[in-house]
């Protein structure tokens, strides 16, 4: 019986050693292949991801420039408009621009997107506050002057703050 166990161990121990060596070799090979595949995927993502991200930064910057006080007032103001008409046009344009660029938040940090939303909200608030100071017969020019006066008093353009946040994030990435 003892001879049988010793003979059996002579076969089992080498088999276990061969199995363990094979298992370890195959596991290392598969781990290496997995790392190589992940590296290829990252490389491919960088080829398409970086241009998409840069495009998002450009689009968000364009959005912020389009809703900045100077740009939006000049673009939306028409001769003969009342203050109420300009107010409605400005708020509508800011909201439309924002909705058009909502998907860009996928490509920037939460902190940066929060600053973009804050710029939009601050611009709407600025237009609304300026509009409340207008009388029924006020013209678009009166509202425009009031908006520019209020922005000068605040001394900080909300869109400039968000653009600086975008630039800061872009510098961190690249």
Protein backbone atom coordinates (compact mmCIF):
# COMPACT_ATOMS: atom_id res chain seq x y z
CA UNK A 1 0.00 0.00 0.00
CA UNK A 2 2.84 2.36 0.85
CA UNK A 3 4.48 1.61 -2.48
CA UNK A 4 1.22 2.42 -4.23
CA UNK A 5 0.99 5.84 -2.49
CA UNK A 6 4.64 6.60 -3.25
CA UNK A 7 4.15 5.59 -6.90
CA UNK A 8 1.00 7.69 -7.04
CA UNK A 9 2.82 10.71 -5.55
CA UNK A 10 5.59 10.25 -8.14
CA UNK A 11 2.97 10.96 -10.83
CA UNK A 12 0.79 13.50 -9.04
CA UNK A 13 3.52 15.87 -7.74
CA UNK A 14 5.17 16.39 -11.16
CA UNK A 15 1.73 16.76 -12.75
CA UNK A 16 0.79 19.45 -10.23
CA UNK A 17 4.08 21.26 -10.85
CA UNK A 18 3.59 21.12 -14.64
CA UNK A 19 -0.02 22.31 -14.26
CA UNK A 20 0.99 25.20 -11.98
CA UNK A 21 3.78 26.29 -14.32
CA UNK A 22 1.43 26.17 -17.31
CA UNK A 23 -1.30 28.03 -15.43
CA UNK A 24 1.08 30.79 -14.34
CA UNK A 25 2.52 31.12 -17.86
CA UNK A 26 -0.91 31.34 -19.48
CA UNK A 27 -2.14 33.84 -16.85
CA UNK A 28 0.88 36.10 -17.43
CA UNK A 29 0.41 35.86 -21.20
CA UNK A 30 -3.31 36.74 -20.95
CA UNK A 31 -2.59 39.64 -18.57
CA UNK A 32 0.01 40.99 -21.00
CA UNK A 33 -2.42 40.68 -23.92
CA UNK A 34 -5.13 42.45 -21.93
CA UNK A 35 -2.79 45.34 -21.09
CA UNK A 36 -1.75 45.55 -24.74
CA UNK A 37 -5.39 45.66 -25.85
CA UNK A 38 -6.23 48.38 -23.28
CA UNK A 39 -3.27 50.43 -24.50
CA UNK A 40 -4.50 50.15 -28.09
CA UNK A 41 -8.01 51.19 -27.03
CA UNK A 42 -6.63 54.22 -25.18
CA UNK A 43 -4.53 55.18 -28.19
CA UNK A 44 -7.58 54.93 -30.47
CA UNK A 45 -9.66 56.95 -28.00
CA UNK A 46 -7.01 59.67 -27.94
CA UNK A 47 -7.10 59.86 -31.73
CA UNK A 48 -10.82 60.65 -31.68
CA UNK A 49 -11.37 61.83 -28.09
CA UNK A 50 -8.90 64.69 -28.00
CA UNK A 51 -10.25 66.38 -31.13
CA UNK A 52 -13.81 65.99 -29.80
CA UNK A 53 -12.82 67.51 -26.48
CA UNK A 54 -11.06 70.42 -28.13
CA UNK A 55 -14.11 70.98 -30.31
CA UNK A 56 -16.28 71.04 -27.18
CA UNK A 57 -14.02 73.65 -25.58
CA UNK A 58 -14.30 75.74 -28.75
CA UNK A 59 -18.09 75.43 -28.86
CA UNK A 60 -18.48 76.34 -25.19
CA UNK A 61 -16.20 79.34 -25.69
CA UNK A 62 -18.27 80.40 -28.69
CA UNK A 63 -21.44 79.99 -26.63
CA UNK A 64 -20.03 82.18 -23.86
CA UNK A 65 -18.88 84.80 -26.35
CA UNK A 66 -22.29 84.81 -28.03
CA UNK A 67 -24.11 85.42 -24.73
CA UNK A 68 -21.66 88.04 -23.46
CA UNK A 69 -23.35 91.43 -22.97
CA UNK A 70 -21.62 93.21 -25.84
CA UNK A 71 -22.26 90.46 -28.34
CA UNK A 72 -25.81 89.52 -27.49
CA UNK A 73 -27.13 93.05 -27.11
CA UNK A 74 -25.64 94.14 -30.44
CA UNK A 75 -26.85 90.99 -32.19
CA UNK A 76 -30.42 90.98 -30.84
CA UNK A 77 -31.18 94.70 -30.78
CA UNK A 78 -33.17 96.03 -33.72
CA UNK A 79 -34.19 99.55 -34.58
CA UNK A 80 -37.60 100.42 -33.17
CA UNK A 81 -37.64 97.64 -30.55
CA UNK A 82 -39.07 98.31 -27.13
CA UNK A 83 -37.24 97.36 -23.97
CA UNK A 84 -39.75 94.56 -23.38
CA UNK A 85 -39.16 93.14 -26.86
CA UNK A 86 -35.40 93.25 -26.44
CA UNK A 87 -35.70 91.68 -22.99
CA UNK A 88 -37.69 88.78 -24.43
CA UNK A 89 -35.29 88.39 -27.35
CA UNK A 90 -32.21 88.39 -25.07
CA UNK A 91 -33.61 85.80 -22.66
CA UNK A 92 -34.77 83.61 -25.54
CA UNK A 93 -31.39 83.82 -27.28
CA UNK A 94 -29.46 82.96 -24.10
CA UNK A 95 -31.67 79.93 -23.42
CA UNK A 96 -31.54 78.75 -27.05
CA UNK A 97 -27.77 79.05 -27.18
CA UNK A 98 -27.47 77.13 -23.93
CA UNK A 99 -29.81 74.35 -25.04
CA UNK A 100 -27.92 74.06 -28.31
CA UNK A 101 -24.68 73.43 -26.40
CA UNK A 102 -25.92 71.20 -23.57
CA UNK A 103 -24.17 68.08 -24.89
CA UNK A 104 -20.77 69.75 -24.58
CA UNK A 105 -20.88 69.14 -20.83
CA UNK A 106 -19.78 65.57 -21.55
CA UNK A 107 -16.30 66.81 -22.46
CA UNK A 108 -15.55 69.17 -19.56
CA UNK A 109 -15.28 68.75 -15.81
CA UNK A 110 -18.30 69.27 -13.57
CA UNK A 111 -16.62 72.33 -12.09
CA UNK A 112 -16.16 73.92 -15.52
CA UNK A 113 -19.70 73.09 -16.63
CA UNK A 114 -21.02 74.59 -13.38
CA UNK A 115 -19.20 77.84 -14.23
CA UNK A 116 -20.78 77.79 -17.72
CA UNK A 117 -24.25 77.30 -16.21
CA UNK A 118 -23.55 80.06 -13.69
CA UNK A 119 -22.53 82.42 -16.52
CA UNK A 120 -25.79 81.66 -18.32
CA UNK A 121 -27.84 82.16 -15.15
CA UNK A 122 -25.98 85.36 -14.28
CA UNK A 123 -26.57 86.76 -17.77
CA UNK A 124 -30.30 86.01 -17.51
CA UNK A 125 -30.35 87.60 -14.06
CA UNK A 126 -28.47 90.65 -15.40
CA UNK A 127 -30.99 91.10 -18.22
CA UNK A 128 -33.93 90.60 -15.87
CA UNK A 129 -32.61 93.08 -13.29
CA UNK A 130 -31.89 95.64 -16.00
CA UNK A 131 -35.36 95.14 -17.42
CA UNK A 132 -37.13 95.70 -14.10
CA UNK A 133 -35.72 99.23 -14.00
CA UNK A 134 -37.36 100.08 -17.32
CA UNK A 135 -40.65 101.89 -17.74
CA UNK A 136 -43.42 100.86 -20.14
CA UNK A 137 -42.21 103.26 -22.82
CA UNK A 138 -38.53 102.38 -22.57
CA UNK A 139 -36.71 101.58 -25.76
CA UNK A 140 -34.28 98.79 -26.55
CA UNK A 141 -31.53 101.39 -26.40
CA UNK A 142 -32.53 102.25 -22.82
CA UNK A 143 -32.38 98.60 -21.83
CA UNK A 144 -29.02 98.20 -23.57
CA UNK A 145 -27.58 101.15 -21.68
CA UNK A 146 -28.92 99.78 -18.43
CA UNK A 147 -27.36 96.35 -19.07
CA UNK A 148 -23.97 97.91 -19.80
CA UNK A 149 -24.26 100.17 -16.76
CA UNK A 150 -25.04 97.20 -14.52
CA UNK A 151 -22.16 95.13 -15.92
CA UNK A 152 -19.82 98.06 -15.26
CA UNK A 153 -21.03 98.28 -11.66
CA UNK A 154 -20.50 94.57 -11.11
CA UNK A 155 -16.99 94.87 -12.59
CA UNK A 156 -16.97 91.23 -13.62
CA UNK A 157 -18.46 89.84 -16.76
CA UNK A 158 -19.97 86.41 -15.95
CA UNK A 159 -18.96 85.02 -19.32
CA UNK A 160 -15.33 86.10 -18.84
CA UNK A 161 -15.17 84.18 -15.58
CA UNK A 162 -16.44 81.00 -17.27
CA UNK A 163 -14.03 81.43 -20.21
CA UNK A 164 -11.14 81.74 -17.76
CA UNK A 165 -12.31 78.52 -16.07
CA UNK A 166 -12.35 76.81 -19.48
CA UNK A 167 -8.85 78.01 -20.26
CA UNK A 168 -7.63 76.82 -16.89
CA UNK A 169 -9.04 73.34 -17.45
CA UNK A 170 -7.58 73.20 -20.95
CA UNK A 171 -4.12 74.08 -19.58
CA UNK A 172 -4.42 71.27 -17.00
CA UNK A 173 -5.29 68.76 -19.72
CA UNK A 174 -2.56 69.75 -22.15
